[in-house]
Amino acid sequence: VSAKGRFTISRDNAKNTMYLRMNNLTPVDTAVYYCQVNLAQAPF
């Protein structure tokens, strides 16, 4: 909910890359941002 309408997630499988486009940022968005994948039921 906090990201809806401002953030867009996308991926480019040819580049093995995921993106997060963030617009209209506010101080509340200050954080460390991590990407994550679940492999064999274990998070990486």
PDB file of all heavy atoms in Angstrom:
ATOM      1  N   VAL A   1       0.830  -1.206   0.000  1.00  0.00           N
ATOM      2  CA  VAL A   1       0.000   0.000   0.000  1.00  0.00           C
ATOM      3  C   VAL A   1       0.864   1.255   0.000  1.00  0.00           C
ATOM      4  O   VAL A   1       0.574   2.234  -0.691  1.00  0.00           O
ATOM      5  CB  VAL A   1      -0.945  -0.024   1.216  1.00  0.00           C
ATOM      6  CG1 VAL A   1      -1.660   1.312   1.375  1.00  0.00           C
ATOM      7  CG2 VAL A   1      -1.953  -1.161   1.070  1.00  0.00           C
ATOM      8  N   SER A   2       1.952   1.209   0.750  1.00  0.00           N
ATOM      9  CA  SER A   2       2.824   2.380   0.853  1.00  0.00           C
ATOM     10  C   SER A   2       3.506   2.723  -0.475  1.00  0.00           C
ATOM     11  O   SER A   2       3.943   3.861  -0.668  1.00  0.00           O
ATOM     12  CB  SER A   2       3.889   2.141   1.923  1.00  0.00           C
ATOM     13  OG  SER A   2       4.671   1.014   1.587  1.00  0.00           O
ATOM     14  N   ALA A   3       3.592   1.747  -1.366  1.00  0.00           N
ATOM     15  CA  ALA A   3       4.292   1.949  -2.638  1.00  0.00           C
ATOM     16  C   ALA A   3       3.351   2.131  -3.821  1.00  0.00           C
ATOM     17  O   ALA A   3       3.755   2.645  -4.864  1.00  0.00           O
ATOM     18  CB  ALA A   3       5.206   0.755  -2.910  1.00  0.00           C
ATOM     19  N   LYS A   4       2.128   1.717  -3.650  1.00  0.00           N
ATOM     20  CA  LYS A   4       1.194   1.703  -4.775  1.00  0.00           C
ATOM     21  C   LYS A   4       0.978   3.112  -5.338  1.00  0.00           C
ATOM     22  O   LYS A   4       0.799   4.076  -4.589  1.00  0.00           O
ATOM     23  CB  LYS A   4      -0.132   1.102  -4.325  1.00  0.00           C
ATOM     24  CG  LYS A   4      -1.020   0.617  -5.459  1.00  0.00           C
ATOM     25  CD  LYS A   4      -2.120  -0.281  -4.940  1.00  0.00           C
ATOM     26  CE  LYS A   4      -1.592  -1.621  -4.478  1.00  0.00           C
ATOM     27  NZ  LYS A   4      -2.664  -2.575  -4.111  1.00  0.00           N
ATOM     28  N   GLY A   5       1.056   3.193  -6.659  1.00  0.00           N
ATOM     29  CA  GLY A   5       0.878   4.472  -7.328  1.00  0.00           C
ATOM     30  C   GLY A   5       2.147   5.287  -7.460  1.00  0.00           C
ATOM     31  O   GLY A   5       2.183   6.268  -8.215  1.00  0.00           O
ATOM     32  N   ARG A   6       3.192   4.894  -6.719  1.00  0.00           N
ATOM     33  CA  ARG A   6       4.466   5.623  -6.793  1.00  0.00           C
ATOM     34  C   ARG A   6       5.621   4.744  -7.270  1.00  0.00           C
ATOM     35  O   ARG A   6       6.528   5.227  -7.945  1.00  0.00           O
ATOM     36  CB  ARG A   6       4.833   6.192  -5.421  1.00  0.00           C
ATOM     37  CG  ARG A   6       3.822   7.147  -4.843  1.00  0.00           C
ATOM     38  CD  ARG A   6       4.337   7.776  -3.555  1.00  0.00           C
ATOM     39  NE  ARG A   6       4.649   6.765  -2.545  1.00  0.00           N
ATOM     40  CZ  ARG A   6       5.824   6.687  -1.910  1.00  0.00           C
ATOM     41  NH1 ARG A   6       6.795   7.527  -2.177  1.00  0.00           N
ATOM     42  NH2 ARG A   6       6.015   5.746  -0.992  1.00  0.00           N
ATOM     43  N   PHE A   7       5.591   3.469  -6.926  1.00  0.00           N
ATOM     44  CA  PHE A   7       6.675   2.543  -7.261  1.00  0.00           C
ATOM     45  C   PHE A   7       6.204   1.567  -8.325  1.00  0.00           C
ATOM     46  O   PHE A   7       5.049   1.115  -8.312  1.00  0.00           O
ATOM     47  CB  PHE A   7       7.112   1.742  -6.033  1.00  0.00           C
ATOM     48  CG  PHE A   7       7.748   2.542  -4.931  1.00  0.00           C
ATOM     49  CD1 PHE A   7       7.858   3.917  -4.984  1.00  0.00           C
ATOM     50  CD2 PHE A   7       8.256   1.876  -3.818  1.00  0.00           C
ATOM     51  CE1 PHE A   7       8.448   4.637  -3.956  1.00  0.00           C
ATOM     52  CE2 PHE A   7       8.857   2.579  -2.780  1.00  0.00           C
ATOM     53  CZ  PHE A   7       8.943   3.964  -2.850  1.00  0.00           C
ATOM     54  N   THR A   8       7.110   1.201  -9.220  1.00  0.00           N
ATOM     55  CA  THR A   8       6.820   0.211 -10.247  1.00  0.00           C
ATOM     56  C   THR A   8       7.925  -0.836 -10.273  1.00  0.00           C
ATOM     57  O   THR A   8       9.099  -0.487 -10.418  1.00  0.00           O
ATOM     58  CB  THR A   8       6.711   0.865 -11.632  1.00  0.00           C
ATOM     59  OG1 THR A   8       5.694   1.878 -11.602  1.00  0.00           O
ATOM     60  CG2 THR A   8       6.343  -0.168 -12.692  1.00  0.00           C
ATOM     61  N   ILE A   9       7.536  -2.085 -10.134  1.00  0.00           N
ATOM     62  CA  ILE A   9       8.504  -3.181 -10.207  1.00  0.00           C
ATOM     63  C   ILE A   9       8.456  -3.781 -11.603  1.00  0.00           C
ATOM     64  O   ILE A   9       7.378  -3.883 -12.208  1.00  0.00           O
ATOM     65  CB  ILE A   9       8.203  -4.239  -9.119  1.00  0.00           C
ATOM     66  CG1 ILE A   9       9.317  -5.287  -9.049  1.00  0.00           C
ATOM     67  CG2 ILE A   9       6.839  -4.881  -9.330  1.00  0.00           C
ATOM     68  CD1 ILE A   9       9.177  -6.241  -7.861  1.00  0.00           C
ATOM     69  N   SER A  10       9.599  -4.158 -12.108  1.00  0.00           N
ATOM     70  CA  SER A  10       9.667  -4.780 -13.433  1.00  0.00           C
ATOM     71  C   SER A  10      10.885  -5.698 -13.494  1.00  0.00           C
ATOM     72  O   SER A  10      11.707  -5.703 -12.580  1.00  0.00           O
ATOM     73  CB  SER A  10       9.737  -3.712 -14.536  1.00  0.00           C
ATOM     74  OG  SER A  10      10.899  -2.919 -14.399  1.00  0.00           O
ATOM     75  N   ARG A  11      10.959  -6.453 -14.572  1.00  0.00           N
ATOM     76  CA  ARG A  11      12.098  -7.363 -14.733  1.00  0.00           C
ATOM     77  C   ARG A  11      12.471  -7.477 -16.196  1.00  0.00           C
ATOM     78  O   ARG A  11      11.613  -7.323 -17.079  1.00  0.00           O
ATOM     79  CB  ARG A  11      11.774  -8.735 -14.155  1.00  0.00           C
ATOM     80  CG  ARG A  11      10.655  -9.475 -14.869  1.00  0.00           C
ATOM     81  CD  ARG A  11      10.202 -10.713 -14.068  1.00  0.00           C
ATOM     82  NE  ARG A  11      11.261 -11.701 -13.948  1.00  0.00           N
ATOM     83  CZ  ARG A  11      11.254 -12.672 -13.035  1.00  0.00           C
ATOM     84  NH1 ARG A  11      10.241 -12.780 -12.171  1.00  0.00           N
ATOM     85  NH2 ARG A  11      12.252 -13.546 -12.984  1.00  0.00           N
ATOM     86  N   ASP A  12      13.740  -7.764 -16.434  1.00  0.00           N
ATOM     87  CA  ASP A  12      14.240  -8.032 -17.780  1.00  0.00           C
ATOM     88  C   ASP A  12      14.959  -9.376 -17.707  1.00  0.00           C
ATOM     89  O   ASP A  12      16.113  -9.446 -17.249  1.00  0.00           O
ATOM     90  CB  ASP A  12      15.183  -6.918 -18.223  1.00  0.00           C
ATOM     91  CG  ASP A  12      15.660  -7.083 -19.653  1.00  0.00           C
ATOM     92  OD1 ASP A  12      15.602  -8.216 -20.183  1.00  0.00           O
ATOM     93  OD2 ASP A  12      16.111  -6.100 -20.247  1.00  0.00           O
ATOM     94  N   ASN A  13      14.277 -10.428 -18.122  1.00  0.00           N
ATOM     95  CA  ASN A  13      14.849 -11.766 -18.007  1.00  0.00           C
ATOM     96  C   ASN A  13      16.093 -11.948 -18.870  1.00  0.00           C
ATOM     97  O   ASN A  13      16.972 -12.745 -18.538  1.00  0.00           O
ATOM     98  CB  ASN A  13      13.802 -12.821 -18.353  1.00  0.00           C
ATOM     99  CG  ASN A  13      12.695 -12.909 -17.320  1.00  0.00           C
ATOM    100  OD1 ASN A  13      12.872 -12.533 -16.157  1.00  0.00           O
ATOM    101  ND2 ASN A  13      11.536 -13.403 -17.724  1.00  0.00           N
ATOM    102  N   ALA A  14      16.180 -11.214 -19.966  1.00  0.00           N
ATOM    103  CA  ALA A  14      17.363 -11.324 -20.830  1.00  0.00           C
ATOM    104  C   ALA A  14      18.609 -10.789 -20.129  1.00  0.00           C
ATOM    105  O   ALA A  14      19.728 -11.201 -20.451  1.00  0.00           O
ATOM    106  CB  ALA A  14      17.131 -10.576 -22.129  1.00  0.00           C
ATOM    107  N   LYS A  15      18.396  -9.884 -19.172  1.00  0.00           N
ATOM    108  CA  LYS A  15      19.521  -9.287 -18.443  1.00  0.00           C
ATOM    109  C   LYS A  15      19.639  -9.812 -17.021  1.00  0.00           C
ATOM    110  O   LYS A  15      20.489  -9.333 -16.258  1.00  0.00           O
ATOM    111  CB  LYS A  15      19.376  -7.763 -18.411  1.00  0.00           C
ATOM    112  CG  LYS A  15      19.446  -7.112 -19.779  1.00  0.00           C
ATOM    113  CD  LYS A  15      19.326  -5.602 -19.679  1.00  0.00           C
ATOM    114  CE  LYS A  15      19.442  -4.961 -21.047  1.00  0.00           C
ATOM    115  NZ  LYS A  15      19.333  -3.470 -20.965  1.00  0.00           N
ATOM    116  N   ASN A  16      18.783 -10.768 -16.664  1.00  0.00           N
ATOM    117  CA  ASN A  16      18.782 -11.281 -15.284  1.00  0.00           C
ATOM    118  C   ASN A  16      18.704 -10.138 -14.266  1.00  0.00           C
ATOM    119  O   ASN A  16      19.395 -10.153 -13.237  1.00  0.00           O
ATOM    120  CB  ASN A  16      20.032 -12.129 -15.007  1.00  0.00           C
ATOM    121  CG  ASN A  16      19.933 -13.529 -15.567  1.00  0.00           C
ATOM    122  OD1 ASN A  16      19.009 -13.838 -16.334  1.00  0.00           O
ATOM    123  ND2 ASN A  16      20.868 -14.385 -15.224  1.00  0.00           N
ATOM    124  N   THR A  17      17.849  -9.185 -14.543  1.00  0.00           N
ATOM    125  CA  THR A  17      17.781  -7.989 -13.713  1.00  0.00           C
ATOM    126  C   THR A  17      16.343  -7.627 -13.389  1.00  0.00           C
ATOM    127  O   THR A  17      15.467  -7.710 -14.248  1.00  0.00           O
ATOM    128  CB  THR A  17      18.470  -6.802 -14.414  1.00  0.00           C
ATOM    129  OG1 THR A  17      19.845  -7.144 -14.673  1.00  0.00           O
ATOM    130  CG2 THR A  17      18.428  -5.551 -13.558  1.00  0.00           C
ATOM    131  N   MET A  18      16.143  -7.234 -12.145  1.00  0.00           N
ATOM    132  CA  MET A  18      14.861  -6.722 -11.673  1.00  0.00           C
ATOM    133  C   MET A  18      15.045  -5.241 -11.328  1.00  0.00           C
ATOM    134  O   MET A  18      16.134  -4.833 -10.907  1.00  0.00           O
ATOM    135  CB  MET A  18      14.417  -7.499 -10.427  1.00  0.00           C
ATOM    136  CG  MET A  18      13.171  -6.957  -9.766  1.00  0.00           C
ATOM    137  SD  MET A  18      12.652  -7.927  -8.341  1.00  0.00           S
ATOM    138  CE  MET A  18      14.003  -7.682  -7.193  1.00  0.00           C
ATOM    139  N   TYR A  19      13.981  -4.469 -11.497  1.00  0.00           N
ATOM    140  CA  TYR A  19      14.053  -3.034 -11.265  1.00  0.00           C
ATOM    141  C   TYR A  19      12.962  -2.593 -10.293  1.00  0.00           C
ATOM    142  O   TYR A  19      11.920  -3.245 -10.159  1.00  0.00           O
ATOM    143  CB  TYR A  19      13.869  -2.265 -12.572  1.00  0.00           C
ATOM    144  CG  TYR A  19      14.855  -2.635 -13.655  1.00  0.00           C
ATOM    145  CD1 TYR A  19      14.513  -3.545 -14.653  1.00  0.00           C
ATOM    146  CD2 TYR A  19      16.135  -2.096 -13.667  1.00  0.00           C
ATOM    147  CE1 TYR A  19      15.414  -3.896 -15.640  1.00  0.00           C
ATOM    148  CE2 TYR A  19      17.048  -2.440 -14.651  1.00  0.00           C
ATOM    149  CZ  TYR A  19      16.680  -3.338 -15.639  1.00  0.00           C
ATOM    150  OH  TYR A  19      17.576  -3.678 -16.617  1.00  0.00           O
ATOM    151  N   LEU A  20      13.212  -1.458  -9.669  1.00  0.00           N
ATOM    152  CA  LEU A  20      12.181  -0.791  -8.886  1.00  0.00           C
ATOM    153  C   LEU A  20      12.286   0.696  -9.209  1.00  0.00           C
ATOM    154  O   LEU A  20      13.242   1.365  -8.810  1.00  0.00           O
ATOM    155  CB  LEU A  20      12.354  -1.024  -7.383  1.00  0.00           C
ATOM    156  CG  LEU A  20      11.242  -0.446  -6.515  1.00  0.00           C
ATOM    157  CD1 LEU A  20       9.932  -1.212  -6.751  1.00  0.00           C
ATOM    158  CD2 LEU A  20      11.614  -0.487  -5.034  1.00  0.00           C
ATOM    159  N   ARG A  21      11.306   1.176  -9.931  1.00  0.00           N
ATOM    160  CA  ARG A  21      11.232   2.603 -10.239  1.00  0.00           C
ATOM    161  C   ARG A  21      10.431   3.267  -9.124  1.00  0.00           C
ATOM    162  O   ARG A  21       9.296   2.877  -8.855  1.00  0.00           O
ATOM    163  CB  ARG A  21      10.548   2.825 -11.576  1.00  0.00           C
ATOM    164  CG  ARG A  21      10.325   4.294 -11.933  1.00  0.00           C
ATOM    165  CD  ARG A  21      11.614   5.002 -12.228  1.00  0.00           C
ATOM    166  NE  ARG A  21      11.396   6.420 -12.569  1.00  0.00           N
ATOM    167  CZ  ARG A  21      12.392   7.252 -12.897  1.00  0.00           C
ATOM    168  NH1 ARG A  21      13.653   6.821 -12.929  1.00  0.00           N
ATOM    169  NH2 ARG A  21      12.118   8.508 -13.198  1.00  0.00           N
ATOM    170  N   MET A  22      11.023   4.263  -8.501  1.00  0.00           N
ATOM    171  CA  MET A  22      10.393   4.933  -7.368  1.00  0.00           C
ATOM    172  C   MET A  22      10.222   6.410  -7.682  1.00  0.00           C
ATOM    173  O   MET A  22      11.211   7.103  -7.948  1.00  0.00           O
ATOM    174  CB  MET A  22      11.255   4.765  -6.106  1.00  0.00           C
ATOM    175  CG  MET A  22      11.563   3.310  -5.775  1.00  0.00           C
ATOM    176  SD  MET A  22      12.425   3.111  -4.210  1.00  0.00           S
ATOM    177  CE  MET A  22      13.984   3.908  -4.578  1.00  0.00           C
ATOM    178  N   ASN A  23       8.989   6.868  -7.676  1.00  0.00           N
ATOM    179  CA  ASN A  23       8.671   8.266  -7.950  1.00  0.00           C
ATOM    180  C   ASN A  23       8.088   8.935  -6.716  1.00  0.00           C
ATOM    181  O   ASN A  23       7.605   8.264  -5.789  1.00  0.00           O
ATOM    182  CB  ASN A  23       7.657   8.356  -9.095  1.00  0.00           C
ATOM    183  CG  ASN A  23       8.207   7.859 -10.411  1.00  0.00           C
ATOM    184  OD1 ASN A  23       9.395   8.000 -10.716  1.00  0.00           O
ATOM    185  ND2 ASN A  23       7.343   7.253 -11.216  1.00  0.00           N
ATOM    186  N   ASN A  24       8.122  10.253  -6.724  1.00  0.00           N
ATOM    187  CA  ASN A  24       7.517  11.037  -5.647  1.00  0.00           C
ATOM    188  C   ASN A  24       7.988  10.549  -4.273  1.00  0.00           C
ATOM    189  O   ASN A  24       7.169  10.299  -3.380  1.00  0.00           O
ATOM    190  CB  ASN A  24       5.990  10.985  -5.755  1.00  0.00           C
ATOM    191  CG  ASN A  24       5.315  12.049  -4.929  1.00  0.00           C
ATOM    192  OD1 ASN A  24       5.931  13.057  -4.585  1.00  0.00           O
ATOM    193  ND2 ASN A  24       4.060  11.814  -4.578  1.00  0.00           N
ATOM    194  N   LEU A  25       9.277  10.426  -4.129  1.00  0.00           N
ATOM    195  CA  LEU A  25       9.848   9.895  -2.891  1.00  0.00           C
ATOM    196  C   LEU A  25       9.666  10.886  -1.743  1.00  0.00           C
ATOM    197  O   LEU A  25       9.682  12.112  -1.936  1.00  0.00           O
ATOM    198  CB  LEU A  25      11.323   9.584  -3.090  1.00  0.00           C
ATOM    199  CG  LEU A  25      11.585   8.330  -3.930  1.00  0.00           C
ATOM    200  CD1 LEU A  25      13.012   8.342  -4.483  1.00  0.00           C
ATOM    201  CD2 LEU A  25      11.349   7.072  -3.107  1.00  0.00           C
ATOM    202  N   THR A  26       9.477  10.343  -0.545  1.00  0.00           N
ATOM    203  CA  THR A  26       9.355  11.143   0.666  1.00  0.00           C
ATOM    204  C   THR A  26      10.375  10.648   1.690  1.00  0.00           C
ATOM    205  O   THR A  26      10.925   9.548   1.550  1.00  0.00           O
ATOM    206  CB  THR A  26       7.944  11.036   1.258  1.00  0.00           C
ATOM    207  OG1 THR A  26       7.812   9.766   1.907  1.00  0.00           O
ATOM    208  CG2 THR A  26       6.865  11.163   0.185  1.00  0.00           C
ATOM    209  N   PRO A  27      10.632  11.426   2.730  1.00  0.00           N
ATOM    210  CA  PRO A  27      11.581  10.969   3.757  1.00  0.00           C
ATOM    211  C   PRO A  27      11.203   9.618   4.371  1.00  0.00           C
ATOM    212  O   PRO A  27      12.086   8.891   4.827  1.00  0.00           O
ATOM    213  CB  PRO A  27      11.532  12.099   4.783  1.00  0.00           C
ATOM    214  CG  PRO A  27      11.235  13.321   3.971  1.00  0.00           C
ATOM    215  CD  PRO A  27      10.256  12.844   2.924  1.00  0.00           C
ATOM    216  N   VAL A  28       9.930   9.290   4.354  1.00  0.00           N
ATOM    217  CA  VAL A  28       9.482   8.004   4.902  1.00  0.00           C
ATOM    218  C   VAL A  28      10.044   6.833   4.101  1.00  0.00           C
ATOM    219  O   VAL A  28      10.154   5.716   4.607  1.00  0.00           O
ATOM    220  CB  VAL A  28       7.934   7.939   4.943  1.00  0.00           C
ATOM    221  CG1 VAL A  28       7.444   6.563   5.337  1.00  0.00           C
ATOM    222  CG2 VAL A  28       7.382   8.995   5.882  1.00  0.00           C
ATOM    223  N   ASP A  29      10.423   7.076   2.861  1.00  0.00           N
ATOM    224  CA  ASP A  29      10.981   6.020   2.008  1.00  0.00           C
ATOM    225  C   ASP A  29      12.461   5.771   2.284  1.00  0.00           C
ATOM    226  O   ASP A  29      13.042   4.859   1.684  1.00  0.00           O
ATOM    227  CB  ASP A  29      10.792   6.382   0.537  1.00  0.00           C
ATOM    228  CG  ASP A  29       9.336   6.505   0.144  1.00  0.00           C
ATOM    229  OD1 ASP A  29       8.548   5.587   0.495  1.00  0.00           O
ATOM    230  OD2 ASP A  29       8.964   7.510  -0.495  1.00  0.00           O
ATOM    231  N   THR A  30      13.066   6.545   3.155  1.00  0.00           N
ATOM    232  CA  THR A  30      14.471   6.346   3.493  1.00  0.00           C
ATOM    233  C   THR A  30      14.668   4.984   4.143  1.00  0.00           C
ATOM    234  O   THR A  30      14.024   4.662   5.139  1.00  0.00           O
ATOM    235  CB  THR A  30      14.963   7.450   4.433  1.00  0.00           C
ATOM    236  OG1 THR A  30      14.918   8.707   3.742  1.00  0.00           O
ATOM    237  CG2 THR A  30      16.375   7.177   4.914  1.00  0.00           C
ATOM    238  N   ALA A  31      15.538   4.180   3.547  1.00  0.00           N
ATOM    239  CA  ALA A  31      15.744   2.815   4.023  1.00  0.00           C
ATOM    240  C   ALA A  31      16.853   2.163   3.195  1.00  0.00           C
ATOM    241  O   ALA A  31      17.272   2.708   2.168  1.00  0.00           O
ATOM    242  CB  ALA A  31      14.465   1.992   3.887  1.00  0.00           C
ATOM    243  N   VAL A  32      17.277   0.999   3.659  1.00  0.00           N
ATOM    244  CA  VAL A  32      18.099   0.127   2.817  1.00  0.00           C
ATOM    245  C   VAL A  32      17.141  -0.784   2.053  1.00  0.00           C
ATOM    246  O   VAL A  32      16.268  -1.404   2.666  1.00  0.00           O
ATOM    247  CB  VAL A  32      19.090  -0.701   3.647  1.00  0.00           C
ATOM    248  CG1 VAL A  32      19.906  -1.622   2.742  1.00  0.00           C
ATOM    249  CG2 VAL A  32      20.013   0.212   4.456  1.00  0.00           C
ATOM    250  N   TYR A  33      17.317  -0.839   0.759  1.00  0.00           N
ATOM    251  CA  TYR A  33      16.445  -1.635  -0.101  1.00  0.00           C
ATOM    252  C   TYR A  33      17.180  -2.903  -0.527  1.00  0.00           C
ATOM    253  O   TYR A  33      18.321  -2.837  -0.984  1.00  0.00           O
ATOM    254  CB  TYR A  33      16.021  -0.819  -1.320  1.00  0.00           C
ATOM    255  CG  TYR A  33      14.973   0.216  -0.989  1.00  0.00           C
ATOM    256  CD1 TYR A  33      15.292   1.346  -0.238  1.00  0.00           C
ATOM    257  CD2 TYR A  33      13.651   0.050  -1.407  1.00  0.00           C
ATOM    258  CE1 TYR A  33      14.328   2.285   0.092  1.00  0.00           C
ATOM    259  CE2 TYR A  33      12.673   0.988  -1.094  1.00  0.00           C
ATOM    260  CZ  TYR A  33      13.018   2.104  -0.342  1.00  0.00           C
ATOM    261  OH  TYR A  33      12.055   3.028  -0.009  1.00  0.00           O
ATOM    262  N   TYR A  34      16.478  -4.028  -0.365  1.00  0.00           N
ATOM    263  CA  TYR A  34      17.059  -5.337  -0.649  1.00  0.00           C
ATOM    264  C   TYR A  34      16.233  -6.062  -1.708  1.00  0.00           C
ATOM    265  O   TYR A  34      15.005  -6.001  -1.691  1.00  0.00           O
ATOM    266  CB  TYR A  34      17.047  -6.215   0.599  1.00  0.00           C
ATOM    267  CG  TYR A  34      17.831  -5.684   1.771  1.00  0.00           C
ATOM    268  CD1 TYR A  34      17.228  -4.857   2.713  1.00  0.00           C
ATOM    269  CD2 TYR A  34      19.165  -6.036   1.957  1.00  0.00           C
ATOM    270  CE1 TYR A  34      17.935  -4.383   3.806  1.00  0.00           C
ATOM    271  CE2 TYR A  34      19.886  -5.570   3.049  1.00  0.00           C
ATOM    272  CZ  TYR A  34      19.260  -4.745   3.958  1.00  0.00           C
ATOM    273  OH  TYR A  34      19.969  -4.288   5.050  1.00  0.00           O
ATOM    274  N   CYS A  35      16.894  -6.810  -2.567  1.00  0.00           N
ATOM    275  CA  CYS A  35      16.157  -7.739  -3.402  1.00  0.00           C
ATOM    276  C   CYS A  35      16.259  -9.133  -2.809  1.00  0.00           C
ATOM    277  O   CYS A  35      17.206  -9.448  -2.072  1.00  0.00           O
ATOM    278  CB  CYS A  35      16.611  -7.715  -4.858  1.00  0.00           C
ATOM    279  SG  CYS A  35      18.320  -8.116  -5.151  1.00  0.00           S
ATOM    280  N   GLN A  36      15.250  -9.949  -3.101  1.00  0.00           N
ATOM    281  CA  GLN A  36      15.118 -11.244  -2.462  1.00  0.00           C
ATOM    282  C   GLN A  36      14.502 -12.247  -3.410  1.00  0.00           C
ATOM    283  O   GLN A  36      13.628 -11.902  -4.214  1.00  0.00           O
ATOM    284  CB  GLN A  36      14.242 -11.095  -1.207  1.00  0.00           C
ATOM    285  CG  GLN A  36      14.141 -12.342  -0.350  1.00  0.00           C
ATOM    286  CD  GLN A  36      12.834 -13.077  -0.553  1.00  0.00           C
ATOM    287  OE1 GLN A  36      12.025 -12.711  -1.397  1.00  0.00           O
ATOM    288  NE2 GLN A  36      12.655 -14.147   0.198  1.00  0.00           N
ATOM    289  N   VAL A  37      14.983 -13.483  -3.308  1.00  0.00           N
ATOM    290  CA  VAL A  37      14.402 -14.585  -4.067  1.00  0.00           C
ATOM    291  C   VAL A  37      14.358 -15.802  -3.154  1.00  0.00           C
ATOM    292  O   VAL A  37      15.258 -15.996  -2.321  1.00  0.00           O
ATOM    293  CB  VAL A  37      15.214 -14.883  -5.341  1.00  0.00           C
ATOM    294  CG1 VAL A  37      16.622 -15.331  -5.019  1.00  0.00           C
ATOM    295  CG2 VAL A  37      14.503 -15.909  -6.221  1.00  0.00           C
ATOM    296  N   ASN A  38      13.295 -16.591  -3.283  1.00  0.00           N
ATOM    297  CA  ASN A  38      13.183 -17.843  -2.542  1.00  0.00           C
ATOM    298  C   ASN A  38      13.621 -18.991  -3.443  1.00  0.00           C
ATOM    299  O   ASN A  38      13.026 -19.215  -4.501  1.00  0.00           O
ATOM    300  CB  ASN A  38      11.750 -18.078  -2.076  1.00  0.00           C
ATOM    301  CG  ASN A  38      11.371 -17.149  -0.944  1.00  0.00           C
ATOM    302  OD1 ASN A  38      12.134 -16.944  -0.016  1.00  0.00           O
ATOM    303  ND2 ASN A  38      10.189 -16.568  -1.030  1.00  0.00           N
ATOM    304  N   LEU A  39      14.645 -19.710  -3.030  1.00  0.00           N
ATOM    305  CA  LEU A  39      15.148 -20.848  -3.780  1.00  0.00           C
ATOM    306  C   LEU A  39      15.126 -22.065  -2.864  1.00  0.00           C
ATOM    307  O   LEU A  39      15.690 -22.006  -1.770  1.00  0.00           O
ATOM    308  CB  LEU A  39      16.569 -20.594  -4.282  1.00  0.00           C
ATOM    309  CG  LEU A  39      16.753 -19.405  -5.221  1.00  0.00           C
ATOM    310  CD1 LEU A  39      18.224 -19.187  -5.510  1.00  0.00           C
ATOM    311  CD2 LEU A  39      15.992 -19.629  -6.516  1.00  0.00           C
ATOM    312  N   ALA A  40      14.493 -23.136  -3.315  1.00  0.00           N
ATOM    313  CA  ALA A  40      14.393 -24.347  -2.493  1.00  0.00           C
ATOM    314  C   ALA A  40      13.898 -23.998  -1.099  1.00  0.00           C
ATOM    315  O   ALA A  40      14.404 -24.504  -0.094  1.00  0.00           O
ATOM    316  CB  ALA A  40      15.739 -25.063  -2.423  1.00  0.00           C
ATOM    317  N   GLN A  41      12.910 -23.117  -1.061  1.00  0.00           N
ATOM    318  CA  GLN A  41      12.271 -22.689   0.183  1.00  0.00           C
ATOM    319  C   GLN A  41      13.205 -21.942   1.110  1.00  0.00           C
ATOM    320  O   GLN A  41      12.901 -21.771   2.295  1.00  0.00           O
ATOM    321  CB  GLN A  41      11.638 -23.881   0.896  1.00  0.00           C
ATOM    322  CG  GLN A  41      10.566 -24.561   0.044  1.00  0.00           C
ATOM    323  CD  GLN A  41       9.919 -25.738   0.735  1.00  0.00           C
ATOM    324  OE1 GLN A  41      10.504 -26.323   1.640  1.00  0.00           O
ATOM    325  NE2 GLN A  41       8.717 -26.077   0.325  1.00  0.00           N
ATOM    326  N   ALA A  42      14.340 -21.492   0.609  1.00  0.00           N
ATOM    327  CA  ALA A  42      15.252 -20.689   1.420  1.00  0.00           C
ATOM    328  C   ALA A  42      15.372 -19.308   0.791  1.00  0.00           C
ATOM    329  O   ALA A  42      15.541 -19.186  -0.417  1.00  0.00           O
ATOM    330  CB  ALA A  42      16.622 -21.354   1.478  1.00  0.00           C
ATOM    331  N   PRO A  43      15.297 -18.273   1.605  1.00  0.00           N
ATOM    332  CA  PRO A  43      15.407 -16.924   1.060  1.00  0.00           C
ATOM    333  C   PRO A  43      16.863 -16.531   0.834  1.00  0.00           C
ATOM    334  O   PRO A  43      17.729 -16.816   1.672  1.00  0.00           O
ATOM    335  CB  PRO A  43      14.769 -16.064   2.146  1.00  0.00           C
ATOM    336  CG  PRO A  43      15.046 -16.820   3.409  1.00  0.00           C
ATOM    337  CD  PRO A  43      15.004 -18.278   3.045  1.00  0.00           C
ATOM    338  N   PHE A  44      17.103 -15.902  -0.304  1.00  0.00           N
ATOM    339  CA  PHE A  44      18.410 -15.322  -0.583  1.00  0.00           C
ATOM    340  C   PHE A  44      18.248 -13.817  -0.715  1.00  0.00           C
ATOM    341  O   PHE A  44      17.278 -13.346  -1.304  1.00  0.00           O
ATOM    342  CB  PHE A  44      18.998 -15.895  -1.870  1.00  0.00           C
ATOM    343  CG  PHE A  44      19.517 -17.292  -1.720  1.00  0.00           C
ATOM    344  CD1 PHE A  44      18.654 -18.373  -1.834  1.00  0.00           C
ATOM    345  CD2 PHE A  44      20.852 -17.537  -1.448  1.00  0.00           C
ATOM    346  CE1 PHE A  44      19.108 -19.668  -1.683  1.00  0.00           C
ATOM    347  CE2 PHE A  44      21.323 -18.832  -1.305  1.00  0.00           C
ATOM    348  CZ  PHE A  44      20.453 -19.895  -1.415  1.00  0.00           C
TER     349      PHE A  44
END
